[in-house]
Amino acid sequence: MSRPVRPMLLAVTVVQIDGLSGTGKSSLCAELVDRGYCAVDSDAEFAYFGDPVTGEPTDVQVRDNWIWDVSKLRDFCAAKHDVPVFICGGALNQNNVLTCSTSASC
């Protein structure tokens, strides 16, 4: 007698690699990709200068306006599944974004 097949729920493991400017986050990201891991440089893919309250882009280029595009990052994670995802970099709103629950794979 066969058992019903249940869909498997996969949890995403998101690892953020953060640090001060010039500490090697982008270099580490490139090395992770070269070794076959799912890694993304958040500065290149998700970050922009925007109003931290509204998310609207701004020409005021100060540290407090360096934020991640929440939709882009969540879409990136949602398109993945069953492998760890390394997000290399940081932004003012990173704590809000990294608490999202989704599934992930490259």
PDB file of N, CA and C in Angstrom:
ATOM      1  N   MET A   1       0.833  -1.161   0.000  1.00  0.00           N
ATOM      2  CA  MET A   1       0.000   0.000   0.000  1.00  0.00           C
ATOM      3  C   MET A   1       0.897   1.251   0.000  1.00  0.00           C
ATOM      4  N   SER A   2       0.620   2.172  -0.907  1.00  0.00           N
ATOM      5  CA  SER A   2       1.463   3.358  -0.989  1.00  0.00           C
ATOM      6  C   SER A   2       0.931   4.471  -0.084  1.00  0.00           C
ATOM      7  N   ARG A   3       1.857   5.228   0.427  1.00  0.00           N
ATOM      8  CA  ARG A   3       1.494   6.345   1.292  1.00  0.00           C
ATOM      9  C   ARG A   3       1.327   7.595   0.448  1.00  0.00           C
ATOM     10  N   PRO A   4       0.442   8.493   0.862  1.00  0.00           N
ATOM     11  CA  PRO A   4       0.295   9.740   0.105  1.00  0.00           C
ATOM     12  C   PRO A   4       1.586  10.547   0.145  1.00  0.00           C
ATOM     13  N   VAL A   5       1.878  11.194  -0.942  1.00  0.00           N
ATOM     14  CA  VAL A   5       3.081  12.020  -1.030  1.00  0.00           C
ATOM     15  C   VAL A   5       2.747  13.407  -0.488  1.00  0.00           C
ATOM     16  N   ARG A   6       3.532  13.839   0.469  1.00  0.00           N
ATOM     17  CA  ARG A   6       3.351  15.170   1.023  1.00  0.00           C
ATOM     18  C   ARG A   6       4.407  16.100   0.471  1.00  0.00           C
ATOM     19  N   PRO A   7       4.034  17.329   0.131  1.00  0.00           N
ATOM     20  CA  PRO A   7       5.064  18.269  -0.326  1.00  0.00           C
ATOM     21  C   PRO A   7       6.031  18.563   0.817  1.00  0.00           C
ATOM     22  N   MET A   8       7.288  18.705   0.467  1.00  0.00           N
ATOM     23  CA  MET A   8       8.291  19.011   1.465  1.00  0.00           C
ATOM     24  C   MET A   8       8.440  20.513   1.594  1.00  0.00           C
ATOM     25  N   LEU A   9       8.417  21.018   2.790  1.00  0.00           N
ATOM     26  CA  LEU A   9       8.663  22.436   3.022  1.00  0.00           C
ATOM     27  C   LEU A   9      10.151  22.611   3.275  1.00  0.00           C
ATOM     28  N   LEU A  10      10.754  23.482   2.509  1.00  0.00           N
ATOM     29  CA  LEU A  10      12.184  23.705   2.636  1.00  0.00           C
ATOM     30  C   LEU A  10      12.435  25.042   3.311  1.00  0.00           C
ATOM     31  N   ALA A  11      13.276  25.050   4.288  1.00  0.00           N
ATOM     32  CA  ALA A  11      13.624  26.294   4.967  1.00  0.00           C
ATOM     33  C   ALA A  11      14.876  26.869   4.323  1.00  0.00           C
ATOM     34  N   VAL A  12      14.908  28.157   4.208  1.00  0.00           N
ATOM     35  CA  VAL A  12      16.065  28.832   3.645  1.00  0.00           C
ATOM     36  C   VAL A  12      17.057  29.123   4.751  1.00  0.00           C
ATOM     37  N   THR A  13      18.299  28.868   4.469  1.00  0.00           N
ATOM     38  CA  THR A  13      19.360  29.321   5.350  1.00  0.00           C
ATOM     39  C   THR A  13      19.995  30.518   4.673  1.00  0.00           C
ATOM     40  N   VAL A  14      19.823  31.684   5.262  1.00  0.00           N
ATOM     41  CA  VAL A  14      20.417  32.904   4.723  1.00  0.00           C
ATOM     42  C   VAL A  14      21.531  33.314   5.673  1.00  0.00           C
ATOM     43  N   VAL A  15      22.729  33.438   5.109  1.00  0.00           N
ATOM     44  CA  VAL A  15      23.891  33.845   5.888  1.00  0.00           C
ATOM     45  C   VAL A  15      24.308  35.217   5.391  1.00  0.00           C
ATOM     46  N   GLN A  16      24.280  36.198   6.289  1.00  0.00           N
ATOM     47  CA  GLN A  16      24.740  37.525   5.911  1.00  0.00           C
ATOM     48  C   GLN A  16      26.197  37.675   6.300  1.00  0.00           C
ATOM     49  N   ILE A  17      26.991  38.162   5.357  1.00  0.00           N
ATOM     50  CA  ILE A  17      28.399  38.454   5.609  1.00  0.00           C
ATOM     51  C   ILE A  17      28.527  39.966   5.584  1.00  0.00           C
ATOM     52  N   ASP A  18      28.755  40.552   6.741  1.00  0.00           N
ATOM     53  CA  ASP A  18      28.763  42.001   6.895  1.00  0.00           C
ATOM     54  C   ASP A  18      30.111  42.436   7.452  1.00  0.00           C
ATOM     55  N   GLY A  19      30.422  43.693   7.300  1.00  0.00           N
ATOM     56  CA  GLY A  19      31.663  44.217   7.848  1.00  0.00           C
ATOM     57  C   GLY A  19      31.909  45.627   7.355  1.00  0.00           C
ATOM     58  N   LEU A  20      32.969  46.222   7.853  1.00  0.00           N
ATOM     59  CA  LEU A  20      33.323  47.583   7.453  1.00  0.00           C
ATOM     60  C   LEU A  20      33.757  47.619   5.994  1.00  0.00           C
ATOM     61  N   SER A  21      33.720  48.805   5.414  1.00  0.00           N
ATOM     62  CA  SER A  21      34.184  48.986   4.036  1.00  0.00           C
ATOM     63  C   SER A  21      35.617  48.495   3.892  1.00  0.00           C
ATOM     64  N   GLY A  22      35.872  47.793   2.799  1.00  0.00           N
ATOM     65  CA  GLY A  22      37.229  47.354   2.512  1.00  0.00           C
ATOM     66  C   GLY A  22      37.677  46.099   3.232  1.00  0.00           C
ATOM     67  N   THR A  23      36.778  45.397   3.910  1.00  0.00           N
ATOM     68  CA  THR A  23      37.186  44.203   4.660  1.00  0.00           C
ATOM     69  C   THR A  23      37.148  42.922   3.829  1.00  0.00           C
ATOM     70  N   GLY A  24      36.680  43.003   2.570  1.00  0.00           N
ATOM     71  CA  GLY A  24      36.728  41.832   1.696  1.00  0.00           C
ATOM     72  C   GLY A  24      35.413  41.123   1.453  1.00  0.00           C
ATOM     73  N   LYS A  25      34.299  41.768   1.728  1.00  0.00           N
ATOM     74  CA  LYS A  25      32.996  41.123   1.528  1.00  0.00           C
ATOM     75  C   LYS A  25      32.769  40.758   0.059  1.00  0.00           C
ATOM     76  N   SER A  26      33.075  41.678  -0.837  1.00  0.00           N
ATOM     77  CA  SER A  26      32.888  41.408  -2.270  1.00  0.00           C
ATOM     78  C   SER A  26      33.850  40.327  -2.762  1.00  0.00           C
ATOM     79  N   SER A  27      35.070  40.341  -2.262  1.00  0.00           N
ATOM     80  CA  SER A  27      36.042  39.302  -2.632  1.00  0.00           C
ATOM     81  C   SER A  27      35.597  37.940  -2.125  1.00  0.00           C
ATOM     82  N   LEU A  28      35.084  37.890  -0.898  1.00  0.00           N
ATOM     83  CA  LEU A  28      34.585  36.632  -0.353  1.00  0.00           C
ATOM     84  C   LEU A  28      33.387  36.139  -1.160  1.00  0.00           C
ATOM     85  N   CYS A  29      32.529  37.057  -1.559  1.00  0.00           N
ATOM     86  CA  CYS A  29      31.364  36.690  -2.373  1.00  0.00           C
ATOM     87  C   CYS A  29      31.823  36.024  -3.675  1.00  0.00           C
ATOM     88  N   ALA A  30      32.783  36.631  -4.342  1.00  0.00           N
ATOM     89  CA  ALA A  30      33.298  36.068  -5.595  1.00  0.00           C
ATOM     90  C   ALA A  30      33.900  34.687  -5.369  1.00  0.00           C
ATOM     91  N   GLU A  31      34.623  34.514  -4.265  1.00  0.00           N
ATOM     92  CA  GLU A  31      35.221  33.215  -3.950  1.00  0.00           C
ATOM     93  C   GLU A  31      34.148  32.162  -3.684  1.00  0.00           C
ATOM     94  N   LEU A  32      33.092  32.540  -2.961  1.00  0.00           N
ATOM     95  CA  LEU A  32      31.994  31.603  -2.701  1.00  0.00           C
ATOM     96  C   LEU A  32      31.337  31.159  -4.013  1.00  0.00           C
ATOM     97  N   VAL A  33      31.101  32.108  -4.908  1.00  0.00           N
ATOM     98  CA  VAL A  33      30.510  31.772  -6.213  1.00  0.00           C
ATOM     99  C   VAL A  33      31.441  30.849  -6.986  1.00  0.00           C
ATOM    100  N   ASP A  34      32.747  31.163  -6.990  1.00  0.00           N
ATOM    101  CA  ASP A  34      33.728  30.307  -7.683  1.00  0.00           C
ATOM    102  C   ASP A  34      33.719  28.880  -7.146  1.00  0.00           C
ATOM    103  N   ARG A  35      33.403  28.725  -5.866  1.00  0.00           N
ATOM    104  CA  ARG A  35      33.368  27.392  -5.254  1.00  0.00           C
ATOM    105  C   ARG A  35      31.994  26.732  -5.368  1.00  0.00           C
ATOM    106  N   GLY A  36      31.087  27.377  -6.095  1.00  0.00           N
ATOM    107  CA  GLY A  36      29.789  26.764  -6.369  1.00  0.00           C
ATOM    108  C   GLY A  36      28.678  27.099  -5.397  1.00  0.00           C
ATOM    109  N   TYR A  37      28.914  28.029  -4.492  1.00  0.00           N
ATOM    110  CA  TYR A  37      27.878  28.419  -3.531  1.00  0.00           C
ATOM    111  C   TYR A  37      26.966  29.495  -4.120  1.00  0.00           C
ATOM    112  N   CYS A  38      25.786  29.597  -3.565  1.00  0.00           N
ATOM    113  CA  CYS A  38      24.835  30.634  -3.932  1.00  0.00           C
ATOM    114  C   CYS A  38      25.172  31.870  -3.107  1.00  0.00           C
ATOM    115  N   ALA A  39      25.832  32.847  -3.717  1.00  0.00           N
ATOM    116  CA  ALA A  39      26.243  34.061  -3.011  1.00  0.00           C
ATOM    117  C   ALA A  39      25.962  35.267  -3.889  1.00  0.00           C
ATOM    118  N   VAL A  40      25.626  36.368  -3.251  1.00  0.00           N
ATOM    119  CA  VAL A  40      25.320  37.588  -3.984  1.00  0.00           C
ATOM    120  C   VAL A  40      25.918  38.785  -3.240  1.00  0.00           C
ATOM    121  N   ASP A  41      26.491  39.706  -4.013  1.00  0.00           N
ATOM    122  CA  ASP A  41      27.022  40.959  -3.473  1.00  0.00           C
ATOM    123  C   ASP A  41      25.839  41.914  -3.350  1.00  0.00           C
ATOM    124  N   SER A  42      25.402  42.160  -2.129  1.00  0.00           N
ATOM    125  CA  SER A  42      24.194  42.968  -1.929  1.00  0.00           C
ATOM    126  C   SER A  42      24.363  44.400  -2.431  1.00  0.00           C
ATOM    127  N   ASP A  43      25.592  44.935  -2.388  1.00  0.00           N
ATOM    128  CA  ASP A  43      25.805  46.293  -2.906  1.00  0.00           C
ATOM    129  C   ASP A  43      25.475  46.362  -4.391  1.00  0.00           C
ATOM    130  N   ALA A  44      25.865  45.351  -5.137  1.00  0.00           N
ATOM    131  CA  ALA A  44      25.650  45.339  -6.585  1.00  0.00           C
ATOM    132  C   ALA A  44      24.220  44.974  -6.963  1.00  0.00           C
ATOM    133  N   GLU A  45      23.571  44.127  -6.167  1.00  0.00           N
ATOM    134  CA  GLU A  45      22.270  43.584  -6.561  1.00  0.00           C
ATOM    135  C   GLU A  45      21.057  44.253  -5.926  1.00  0.00           C
ATOM    136  N   PHE A  46      21.158  44.669  -4.669  1.00  0.00           N
ATOM    137  CA  PHE A  46      19.957  45.105  -3.950  1.00  0.00           C
ATOM    138  C   PHE A  46      20.023  46.508  -3.365  1.00  0.00           C
ATOM    139  N   ALA A  47      21.218  47.083  -3.194  1.00  0.00           N
ATOM    140  CA  ALA A  47      21.353  48.324  -2.445  1.00  0.00           C
ATOM    141  C   ALA A  47      21.244  49.561  -3.329  1.00  0.00           C
ATOM    142  N   TYR A  48      20.755  50.625  -2.714  1.00  0.00           N
ATOM    143  CA  TYR A  48      20.645  51.924  -3.384  1.00  0.00           C
ATOM    144  C   TYR A  48      20.474  52.989  -2.309  1.00  0.00           C
ATOM    145  N   PHE A  49      20.629  54.253  -2.705  1.00  0.00           N
ATOM    146  CA  PHE A  49      20.374  55.348  -1.785  1.00  0.00           C
ATOM    147  C   PHE A  49      18.888  55.659  -1.840  1.00  0.00           C
ATOM    148  N   GLY A  50      18.222  55.482  -0.694  1.00  0.00           N
ATOM    149  CA  GLY A  50      16.791  55.718  -0.636  1.00  0.00           C
ATOM    150  C   GLY A  50      16.375  56.240   0.720  1.00  0.00           C
ATOM    151  N   ASP A  51      15.201  56.819   0.765  1.00  0.00           N
ATOM    152  CA  ASP A  51      14.642  57.298   2.026  1.00  0.00           C
ATOM    153  C   ASP A  51      14.349  56.087   2.903  1.00  0.00           C
ATOM    154  N   PRO A  52      14.914  56.017   4.109  1.00  0.00           N
ATOM    155  CA  PRO A  52      14.730  54.837   4.949  1.00  0.00           C
ATOM    156  C   PRO A  52      13.284  54.615   5.407  1.00  0.00           C
ATOM    157  N   VAL A  53      12.464  55.642   5.358  1.00  0.00           N
ATOM    158  CA  VAL A  53      11.066  55.509   5.774  1.00  0.00           C
ATOM    159  C   VAL A  53      10.184  55.078   4.613  1.00  0.00           C
ATOM    160  N   THR A  54      10.329  55.742   3.463  1.00  0.00           N
ATOM    161  CA  THR A  54       9.446  55.475   2.320  1.00  0.00           C
ATOM    162  C   THR A  54      10.031  54.492   1.325  1.00  0.00           C
ATOM    163  N   GLY A  55      11.368  54.365   1.298  1.00  0.00           N
ATOM    164  CA  GLY A  55      12.015  53.509   0.312  1.00  0.00           C
ATOM    165  C   GLY A  55      12.213  54.191  -1.036  1.00  0.00           C
ATOM    166  N   GLU A  56      11.723  55.417  -1.166  1.00  0.00           N
ATOM    167  CA  GLU A  56      11.878  56.152  -2.430  1.00  0.00           C
ATOM    168  C   GLU A  56      13.346  56.506  -2.654  1.00  0.00           C
ATOM    169  N   PRO A  57      13.836  56.341  -3.896  1.00  0.00           N
ATOM    170  CA  PRO A  57      15.225  56.709  -4.202  1.00  0.00           C
ATOM    171  C   PRO A  57      15.485  58.185  -3.875  1.00  0.00           C
ATOM    172  N   THR A  58      16.720  58.476  -3.478  1.00  0.00           N
ATOM    173  CA  THR A  58      17.105  59.850  -3.159  1.00  0.00           C
ATOM    174  C   THR A  58      18.491  60.140  -3.717  1.00  0.00           C
ATOM    175  N   ASP A  59      18.744  61.418  -3.954  1.00  0.00           N
ATOM    176  CA  ASP A  59      20.074  61.844  -4.394  1.00  0.00           C
ATOM    177  C   ASP A  59      20.989  62.133  -3.211  1.00  0.00           C
ATOM    178  N   VAL A  60      20.438  62.089  -1.996  1.00  0.00           N
ATOM    179  CA  VAL A  60      21.218  62.345  -0.786  1.00  0.00           C
ATOM    180  C   VAL A  60      22.000  61.079  -0.448  1.00  0.00           C
ATOM    181  N   GLN A  61      23.293  61.092  -0.796  1.00  0.00           N
ATOM    182  CA  GLN A  61      24.116  59.897  -0.651  1.00  0.00           C
ATOM    183  C   GLN A  61      24.887  59.909   0.665  1.00  0.00           C
ATOM    184  N   VAL A  62      24.161  59.540   1.728  1.00  0.00           N
ATOM    185  CA  VAL A  62      24.764  59.423   3.056  1.00  0.00           C
ATOM    186  C   VAL A  62      24.523  57.999   3.563  1.00  0.00           C
ATOM    187  N   ARG A  63      25.311  57.583   4.520  1.00  0.00           N
ATOM    188  CA  ARG A  63      25.234  56.209   5.046  1.00  0.00           C
ATOM    189  C   ARG A  63      23.827  55.820   5.464  1.00  0.00           C
ATOM    190  N   ASP A  64      23.119  56.733   6.121  1.00  0.00           N
ATOM    191  CA  ASP A  64      21.776  56.415   6.617  1.00  0.00           C
ATOM    192  C   ASP A  64      20.757  56.185   5.507  1.00  0.00           C
ATOM    193  N   ASN A  65      21.108  56.522   4.278  1.00  0.00           N
ATOM    194  CA  ASN A  65      20.195  56.309   3.145  1.00  0.00           C
ATOM    195  C   ASN A  65      20.574  55.086   2.309  1.00  0.00           C
ATOM    196  N   TRP A  66      21.588  54.329   2.732  1.00  0.00           N
ATOM    197  CA  TRP A  66      22.004  53.129   1.998  1.00  0.00           C
ATOM    198  C   TRP A  66      21.113  51.980   2.446  1.00  0.00           C
ATOM    199  N   ILE A  67      20.149  51.600   1.601  1.00  0.00           N
ATOM    200  CA  ILE A  67      19.159  50.585   1.973  1.00  0.00           C
ATOM    201  C   ILE A  67      19.068  49.517   0.895  1.00  0.00           C
ATOM    202  N   TRP A  68      18.504  48.391   1.265  1.00  0.00           N
ATOM    203  CA  TRP A  68      18.253  47.307   0.324  1.00  0.00           C
ATOM    204  C   TRP A  68      16.859  47.428  -0.245  1.00  0.00           C
ATOM    205  N   ASP A  69      16.713  47.033  -1.504  1.00  0.00           N
ATOM    206  CA  ASP A  69      15.400  46.910  -2.137  1.00  0.00           C
ATOM    207  C   ASP A  69      14.781  45.620  -1.605  1.00  0.00           C
ATOM    208  N   VAL A  70      13.835  45.761  -0.709  1.00  0.00           N
ATOM    209  CA  VAL A  70      13.244  44.616  -0.017  1.00  0.00           C
ATOM    210  C   VAL A  70      12.612  43.639  -1.001  1.00  0.00           C
ATOM    211  N   SER A  71      11.872  44.142  -1.975  1.00  0.00           N
ATOM    212  CA  SER A  71      11.206  43.270  -2.956  1.00  0.00           C
ATOM    213  C   SER A  71      12.215  42.455  -3.756  1.00  0.00           C
ATOM    214  N   LYS A  72      13.285  43.117  -4.199  1.00  0.00           N
ATOM    215  CA  LYS A  72      14.310  42.419  -4.978  1.00  0.00           C
ATOM    216  C   LYS A  72      14.969  41.303  -4.177  1.00  0.00           C
ATOM    217  N   LEU A  73      15.295  41.592  -2.924  1.00  0.00           N
ATOM    218  CA  LEU A  73      15.955  40.588  -2.094  1.00  0.00           C
ATOM    219  C   LEU A  73      15.027  39.417  -1.795  1.00  0.00           C
ATOM    220  N   ARG A  74      13.777  39.708  -1.483  1.00  0.00           N
ATOM    221  CA  ARG A  74      12.821  38.628  -1.214  1.00  0.00           C
ATOM    222  C   ARG A  74      12.568  37.797  -2.460  1.00  0.00           C
ATOM    223  N   ASP A  75      12.483  38.439  -3.626  1.00  0.00           N
ATOM    224  CA  ASP A  75      12.306  37.692  -4.879  1.00  0.00           C
ATOM    225  C   ASP A  75      13.509  36.789  -5.141  1.00  0.00           C
ATOM    226  N   PHE A  76      14.699  37.298  -4.849  1.00  0.00           N
ATOM    227  CA  PHE A  76      15.917  36.499  -5.014  1.00  0.00           C
ATOM    228  C   PHE A  76      15.843  35.249  -4.148  1.00  0.00           C
ATOM    229  N   CYS A  77      15.497  35.420  -2.879  1.00  0.00           N
ATOM    230  CA  CYS A  77      15.409  34.277  -1.961  1.00  0.00           C
ATOM    231  C   CYS A  77      14.292  33.326  -2.363  1.00  0.00           C
ATOM    232  N   ALA A  78      13.162  33.872  -2.794  1.00  0.00           N
ATOM    233  CA  ALA A  78      12.014  33.038  -3.152  1.00  0.00           C
ATOM    234  C   ALA A  78      12.297  32.177  -4.381  1.00  0.00           C
ATOM    235  N   ALA A  79      13.198  32.624  -5.239  1.00  0.00           N
ATOM    236  CA  ALA A  79      13.530  31.876  -6.450  1.00  0.00           C
ATOM    237  C   ALA A  79      14.511  30.740  -6.176  1.00  0.00           C
ATOM    238  N   LYS A  80      14.910  30.593  -4.958  1.00  0.00           N
ATOM    239  CA  LYS A  80      15.910  29.590  -4.571  1.00  0.00           C
ATOM    240  C   LYS A  80      15.267  28.492  -3.738  1.00  0.00           C
ATOM    241  N   HIS A  81      15.962  27.356  -3.589  1.00  0.00           N
ATOM    242  CA  HIS A  81      15.496  26.303  -2.688  1.00  0.00           C
ATOM    243  C   HIS A  81      16.604  25.321  -2.349  1.00  0.00           C
ATOM    244  N   ASP A  82      16.615  24.845  -1.155  1.00  0.00           N
ATOM    245  CA  ASP A  82      17.432  23.767  -0.589  1.00  0.00           C
ATOM    246  C   ASP A  82      18.944  23.950  -0.470  1.00  0.00           C
ATOM    247  N   VAL A  83      19.459  25.138  -0.638  1.00  0.00           N
ATOM    248  CA  VAL A  83      20.889  25.381  -0.377  1.00  0.00           C
ATOM    249  C   VAL A  83      21.038  26.697   0.391  1.00  0.00           C
ATOM    250  N   PRO A  84      22.111  26.833   1.135  1.00  0.00           N
ATOM    251  CA  PRO A  84      22.340  28.109   1.832  1.00  0.00           C
ATOM    252  C   PRO A  84      22.546  29.253   0.834  1.00  0.00           C
ATOM    253  N   VAL A  85      22.081  30.425   1.211  1.00  0.00           N
ATOM    254  CA  VAL A  85      22.249  31.635   0.413  1.00  0.00           C
ATOM    255  C   VAL A  85      23.116  32.590   1.223  1.00  0.00           C
ATOM    256  N   PHE A  86      24.190  33.087   0.610  1.00  0.00           N
ATOM    257  CA  PHE A  86      25.086  34.026   1.268  1.00  0.00           C
ATOM    258  C   PHE A  86      24.826  35.424   0.714  1.00  0.00           C
ATOM    259  N   ILE A  87      24.441  36.343   1.593  1.00  0.00           N
ATOM    260  CA  ILE A  87      24.221  37.737   1.227  1.00  0.00           C
ATOM    261  C   ILE A  87      25.425  38.505   1.750  1.00  0.00           C
ATOM    262  N   CYS A  88      26.244  39.018   0.834  1.00  0.00           N
ATOM    263  CA  CYS A  88      27.490  39.682   1.219  1.00  0.00           C
ATOM    264  C   CYS A  88      27.321  41.189   1.154  1.00  0.00           C
ATOM    265  N   GLY A  89      27.296  41.826   2.320  1.00  0.00           N
ATOM    266  CA  GLY A  89      27.140  43.269   2.408  1.00  0.00           C
ATOM    267  C   GLY A  89      26.118  43.631   3.456  1.00  0.00           C
ATOM    268  N   GLY A  90      25.891  44.920   3.597  1.00  0.00           N
ATOM    269  CA  GLY A  90      24.947  45.379   4.595  1.00  0.00           C
ATOM    270  C   GLY A  90      24.252  46.648   4.155  1.00  0.00           C
ATOM    271  N   ALA A  91      23.187  46.979   4.868  1.00  0.00           N
ATOM    272  CA  ALA A  91      22.413  48.182   4.595  1.00  0.00           C
ATOM    273  C   ALA A  91      21.676  48.586   5.866  1.00  0.00           C
ATOM    274  N   LEU A  92      21.208  49.814   5.883  1.00  0.00           N
ATOM    275  CA  LEU A  92      20.530  50.328   7.062  1.00  0.00           C
ATOM    276  C   LEU A  92      19.317  49.484   7.448  1.00  0.00           C
ATOM    277  N   ASN A  93      18.583  48.986   6.471  1.00  0.00           N
ATOM    278  CA  ASN A  93      17.356  48.225   6.749  1.00  0.00           C
ATOM    279  C   ASN A  93      17.568  46.710   6.735  1.00  0.00           C
ATOM    280  N   GLN A  94      18.798  46.249   6.869  1.00  0.00           N
ATOM    281  CA  GLN A  94      19.086  44.815   6.755  1.00  0.00           C
ATOM    282  C   GLN A  94      18.358  43.971   7.796  1.00  0.00           C
ATOM    283  N   ASN A  95      18.168  44.471   8.984  1.00  0.00           N
ATOM    284  CA  ASN A  95      17.494  43.671  10.009  1.00  0.00           C
ATOM    285  C   ASN A  95      16.040  43.410   9.661  1.00  0.00           C
ATOM    286  N   ASN A  96      15.385  44.352   9.022  1.00  0.00           N
ATOM    287  CA  ASN A  96      13.995  44.151   8.592  1.00  0.00           C
ATOM    288  C   ASN A  96      13.911  43.115   7.488  1.00  0.00           C
ATOM    289  N   VAL A  97      14.867  43.132   6.600  1.00  0.00           N
ATOM    290  CA  VAL A  97      14.829  42.256   5.432  1.00  0.00           C
ATOM    291  C   VAL A  97      15.196  40.827   5.779  1.00  0.00           C
ATOM    292  N   LEU A  98      16.214  40.631   6.588  1.00  0.00           N
ATOM    293  CA  LEU A  98      16.723  39.287   6.844  1.00  0.00           C
ATOM    294  C   LEU A  98      15.836  38.472   7.759  1.00  0.00           C
ATOM    295  N   THR A  99      14.778  39.058   8.285  1.00  0.00           N
ATOM    296  CA  THR A  99      13.863  38.289   9.095  1.00  0.00           C
ATOM    297  C   THR A  99      12.787  37.627   8.238  1.00  0.00           C
ATOM    298  N   CYS A 100      12.805  37.889   6.929  1.00  0.00           N
ATOM    299  CA  CYS A 100      11.794  37.288   6.067  1.00  0.00           C
ATOM    300  C   CYS A 100      11.998  35.776   6.021  1.00  0.00           C
ATOM    301  N   SER A 101      10.908  35.062   5.959  1.00  0.00           N
ATOM    302  CA  SER A 101      10.949  33.599   5.896  1.00  0.00           C
ATOM    303  C   SER A 101      10.564  33.185   4.496  1.00  0.00           C
ATOM    304  N   THR A 102      11.422  32.433   3.843  1.00  0.00           N
ATOM    305  CA  THR A 102      11.181  32.018   2.464  1.00  0.00           C
ATOM    306  C   THR A 102      11.959  30.751   2.180  1.00  0.00           C
ATOM    307  N   SER A 103      11.849  30.222   0.950  1.00  0.00           N
ATOM    308  CA  SER A 103      12.659  29.059   0.609  1.00  0.00           C
ATOM    309  C   SER A 103      13.701  29.429  -0.450  1.00  0.00           C
ATOM    310  N   ALA A 104      14.894  28.788  -0.573  1.00  0.00           N
ATOM    311  CA  ALA A 104      15.990  29.196  -1.472  1.00  0.00           C
ATOM    312  C   ALA A 104      16.870  28.099  -2.114  1.00  0.00           C
ATOM    313  N   SER A 105      17.785  28.315  -3.644  1.00  0.00           N
ATOM    314  CA  SER A 105      18.839  27.479  -4.287  1.00  0.00           C
ATOM    315  C   SER A 105      19.399  28.136  -5.528  1.00  0.00           C
ATOM    316  N   CYS A 106      20.642  28.004  -5.754  1.00  0.00           N
ATOM    317  CA  CYS A 106      21.221  28.577  -6.977  1.00  0.00           C
ATOM    318  C   CYS A 106      21.418  27.484  -7.997  1.00  0.00           C
TER     319      CYS A 106
END
